[in-house]
Amino acid sequence: MKRLLACTLAMLGAQAAFAMPLTVPQIQTASTQTTRYDCKGGKSVTVLYTNTRNHQSFAALTVDGRKLLFVNVIAGSGAKYVADQYTWWTKGPQANLYDEMAAKDSSPLLADCETRKK
């Protein structure tokens, strides 16, 4: 598939009528998975994970009304994704969303998220 993130961005929806899907012909999608998380405080978030044939990983989710594409970066444990000032960090079925610009003692924006049971 030559449209690496076309399906990712399609899931996120167009923000404007003139928005074009992001395509990177050199990077091919290997798999995608949509996961829904239930978080502390009754919040929930849906994340579309995209893995590529060259072993890169992406996570697409909405933060404060903004549709963002997170890129996987090195982590001591779990899977850590970053976009703008945010970090989405998963460990097994748990995840948290952090604002790296917030005070060091701030709580995560989304805390104690767990994959939704089917």
C-alpha atoms as a PDB file:
ATOM      1  CA  MET A   1       0.000   0.000   0.000  1.00  0.00           C
ATOM      2  CA  LYS A   2       1.593   3.231  -1.129  1.00  0.00           C
ATOM      3  CA  ARG A   3      -0.649   5.510   0.880  1.00  0.00           C
ATOM      4  CA  LEU A   4       0.898   5.010   4.291  1.00  0.00           C
ATOM      5  CA  LEU A   5      -1.325   7.272   6.277  1.00  0.00           C
ATOM      6  CA  ALA A   6      -4.285   7.784   3.980  1.00  0.00           C
ATOM      7  CA  CYS A   7      -6.403   5.355   5.995  1.00  0.00           C
ATOM      8  CA  THR A   8      -5.158   6.940   9.225  1.00  0.00           C
ATOM      9  CA  LEU A   9      -6.130  10.410   8.141  1.00  0.00           C
ATOM     10  CA  ALA A  10      -9.411   9.183   6.674  1.00  0.00           C
ATOM     11  CA  MET A  11     -10.323   7.872  10.127  1.00  0.00           C
ATOM     12  CA  LEU A  12      -9.500  11.262  11.580  1.00  0.00           C
ATOM     13  CA  GLY A  13     -11.685  13.015   9.015  1.00  0.00           C
ATOM     14  CA  ALA A  14     -11.021  16.100   6.949  1.00  0.00           C
ATOM     15  CA  GLN A  15     -10.722  19.324   8.919  1.00  0.00           C
ATOM     16  CA  ALA A  16     -11.344  21.427   5.848  1.00  0.00           C
ATOM     17  CA  ALA A  17     -12.821  20.804   2.423  1.00  0.00           C
ATOM     18  CA  PHE A  18      -9.422  21.337   0.812  1.00  0.00           C
ATOM     19  CA  ALA A  19      -7.509  18.932   3.113  1.00  0.00           C
ATOM     20  CA  MET A  20      -5.503  16.288   1.279  1.00  0.00           C
ATOM     21  CA  PRO A  21      -4.488  12.872   2.676  1.00  0.00           C
ATOM     22  CA  LEU A  22      -0.848  12.503   3.628  1.00  0.00           C
ATOM     23  CA  THR A  23       0.938  10.050   1.372  1.00  0.00           C
ATOM     24  CA  VAL A  24       4.491   8.808   1.636  1.00  0.00           C
ATOM     25  CA  PRO A  25       5.112   6.454  -1.299  1.00  0.00           C
ATOM     26  CA  GLN A  26       8.463   5.278   0.102  1.00  0.00           C
ATOM     27  CA  ILE A  27       6.848   3.904   3.286  1.00  0.00           C
ATOM     28  CA  GLN A  28       4.291   1.125   3.036  1.00  0.00           C
ATOM     29  CA  THR A  29       1.653   0.168   5.601  1.00  0.00           C
ATOM     30  CA  ALA A  30       1.938  -3.344   7.010  1.00  0.00           C
ATOM     31  CA  SER A  31      -1.073  -3.256   9.371  1.00  0.00           C
ATOM     32  CA  THR A  32      -3.556  -1.027  11.153  1.00  0.00           C
ATOM     33  CA  GLN A  33      -5.558  -1.531  14.329  1.00  0.00           C
ATOM     34  CA  THR A  34      -8.186   0.634  15.996  1.00  0.00           C
ATOM     35  CA  THR A  35      -8.281   0.457  19.795  1.00  0.00           C
ATOM     36  CA  ARG A  36     -10.733   2.157  22.134  1.00  0.00           C
ATOM     37  CA  TYR A  37      -9.631   3.069  25.662  1.00  0.00           C
ATOM     38  CA  ASP A  38     -11.748   3.932  28.705  1.00  0.00           C
ATOM     39  CA  CYS A  39      -9.943   6.368  30.991  1.00  0.00           C
ATOM     40  CA  LYS A  40     -10.210   7.739  34.519  1.00  0.00           C
ATOM     41  CA  GLY A  41     -13.003  10.261  34.982  1.00  0.00           C
ATOM     42  CA  GLY A  42     -15.330   8.655  32.445  1.00  0.00           C
ATOM     43  CA  LYS A  43     -13.291   9.808  29.445  1.00  0.00           C
ATOM     44  CA  SER A  44     -12.538   7.644  26.437  1.00  0.00           C
ATOM     45  CA  VAL A  45     -10.312   7.824  23.380  1.00  0.00           C
ATOM     46  CA  THR A  46     -10.052   5.899  20.127  1.00  0.00           C
ATOM     47  CA  VAL A  47      -6.576   5.354  18.683  1.00  0.00           C
ATOM     48  CA  LEU A  48      -5.693   4.133  15.205  1.00  0.00           C
ATOM     49  CA  TYR A  49      -2.314   2.396  15.235  1.00  0.00           C
ATOM     50  CA  THR A  50      -0.412   2.024  11.958  1.00  0.00           C
ATOM     51  CA  ASN A  51       2.630  -0.208  11.562  1.00  0.00           C
ATOM     52  CA  THR A  52       4.784   0.024   8.450  1.00  0.00           C
ATOM     53  CA  ARG A  53       6.843  -2.504   6.548  1.00  0.00           C
ATOM     54  CA  ASN A  54      10.040  -0.694   7.592  1.00  0.00           C
ATOM     55  CA  HIS A  55       9.080  -1.162  11.276  1.00  0.00           C
ATOM     56  CA  GLN A  56       7.872   2.350  12.067  1.00  0.00           C
ATOM     57  CA  SER A  57       4.737   2.820  14.165  1.00  0.00           C
ATOM     58  CA  PHE A  58       2.231   5.648  14.361  1.00  0.00           C
ATOM     59  CA  ALA A  59      -0.789   6.405  16.548  1.00  0.00           C
ATOM     60  CA  ALA A  60      -3.564   8.766  15.450  1.00  0.00           C
ATOM     61  CA  LEU A  61      -5.804  10.296  18.111  1.00  0.00           C
ATOM     62  CA  THR A  62      -7.629  13.505  18.947  1.00  0.00           C
ATOM     63  CA  VAL A  63      -6.259  15.738  21.716  1.00  0.00           C
ATOM     64  CA  ASP A  64      -8.178  18.845  22.821  1.00  0.00           C
ATOM     65  CA  GLY A  65     -10.107  18.804  19.551  1.00  0.00           C
ATOM     66  CA  ARG A  66      -6.946  18.507  17.415  1.00  0.00           C
ATOM     67  CA  LYS A  67      -6.406  15.453  15.250  1.00  0.00           C
ATOM     68  CA  LEU A  68      -2.765  14.465  15.716  1.00  0.00           C
ATOM     69  CA  LEU A  69      -0.438  11.861  14.275  1.00  0.00           C
ATOM     70  CA  PHE A  70       1.952  10.516  16.921  1.00  0.00           C
ATOM     71  CA  VAL A  71       5.274   8.885  15.992  1.00  0.00           C
ATOM     72  CA  ASN A  72       6.746   5.989  17.978  1.00  0.00           C
ATOM     73  CA  VAL A  73       9.990   6.821  19.818  1.00  0.00           C
ATOM     74  CA  ILE A  74      12.303   4.802  22.036  1.00  0.00           C
ATOM     75  CA  ALA A  75      10.963   3.922  25.497  1.00  0.00           C
ATOM     76  CA  GLY A  76      12.300   2.041  28.479  1.00  0.00           C
ATOM     77  CA  SER A  77       9.139  -0.063  28.517  1.00  0.00           C
ATOM     78  CA  GLY A  78       5.902  -0.093  26.582  1.00  0.00           C
ATOM     79  CA  ALA A  79       5.306   1.927  23.426  1.00  0.00           C
ATOM     80  CA  LYS A  80       5.805   5.688  23.524  1.00  0.00           C
ATOM     81  CA  TYR A  81       4.422   7.994  20.836  1.00  0.00           C
ATOM     82  CA  VAL A  82       4.926  11.762  20.539  1.00  0.00           C
ATOM     83  CA  ALA A  83       3.192  14.576  18.641  1.00  0.00           C
ATOM     84  CA  ASP A  84       3.571  18.300  19.235  1.00  0.00           C
ATOM     85  CA  GLN A  85       3.799  18.697  23.032  1.00  0.00           C
ATOM     86  CA  TYR A  86       2.019  15.424  23.835  1.00  0.00           C
ATOM     87  CA  THR A  87       3.138  11.902  24.718  1.00  0.00           C
ATOM     88  CA  TRP A  88       0.860   8.855  24.388  1.00  0.00           C
ATOM     89  CA  TRP A  89       2.467   6.029  26.383  1.00  0.00           C
ATOM     90  CA  THR A  90       1.084   2.499  26.383  1.00  0.00           C
ATOM     91  CA  LYS A  91       2.150  -0.483  28.476  1.00  0.00           C
ATOM     92  CA  GLY A  92       0.156  -3.602  27.685  1.00  0.00           C
ATOM     93  CA  PRO A  93      -3.561  -2.716  27.885  1.00  0.00           C
ATOM     94  CA  GLN A  94      -2.908   0.519  29.854  1.00  0.00           C
ATOM     95  CA  ALA A  95      -2.117   4.006  28.511  1.00  0.00           C
ATOM     96  CA  ASN A  96      -1.716   7.626  29.590  1.00  0.00           C
ATOM     97  CA  LEU A  97      -1.639  10.901  27.662  1.00  0.00           C
ATOM     98  CA  TYR A  98       0.812  13.519  28.942  1.00  0.00           C
ATOM     99  CA  ASP A  99       1.243  17.213  28.145  1.00  0.00           C
ATOM    100  CA  GLU A 100       5.006  17.758  28.225  1.00  0.00           C
ATOM    101  CA  MET A 101       4.487  21.528  28.619  1.00  0.00           C
ATOM    102  CA  ALA A 102       2.520  21.082  31.853  1.00  0.00           C
ATOM    103  CA  ALA A 103       4.120  21.383  35.285  1.00  0.00           C
ATOM    104  CA  LYS A 104       6.157  18.328  36.326  1.00  0.00           C
ATOM    105  CA  ASP A 105       3.649  17.374  39.047  1.00  0.00           C
ATOM    106  CA  SER A 106       0.610  17.672  36.727  1.00  0.00           C
ATOM    107  CA  SER A 107      -1.662  14.696  36.213  1.00  0.00           C
ATOM    108  CA  PRO A 108      -1.884  13.154  32.737  1.00  0.00           C
ATOM    109  CA  LEU A 109      -4.516  14.630  30.401  1.00  0.00           C
ATOM    110  CA  LEU A 110      -5.907  11.104  30.075  1.00  0.00           C
ATOM    111  CA  ALA A 111      -5.014   8.828  32.981  1.00  0.00           C
ATOM    112  CA  ASP A 112      -5.351   5.137  33.728  1.00  0.00           C
ATOM    113  CA  CYS A 113      -6.732   4.346  30.288  1.00  0.00           C
ATOM    114  CA  GLU A 114      -7.521   0.669  29.646  1.00  0.00           C
ATOM    115  CA  THR A 115      -8.408  -1.060  26.425  1.00  0.00           C
ATOM    116  CA  ARG A 116     -12.151  -1.501  26.219  1.00  0.00           C
ATOM    117  CA  LYS A 117     -13.340  -5.003  26.922  1.00  0.00           C
ATOM    118  CA  LYS A 118     -15.371  -6.537  24.106  1.00  0.00           C
END
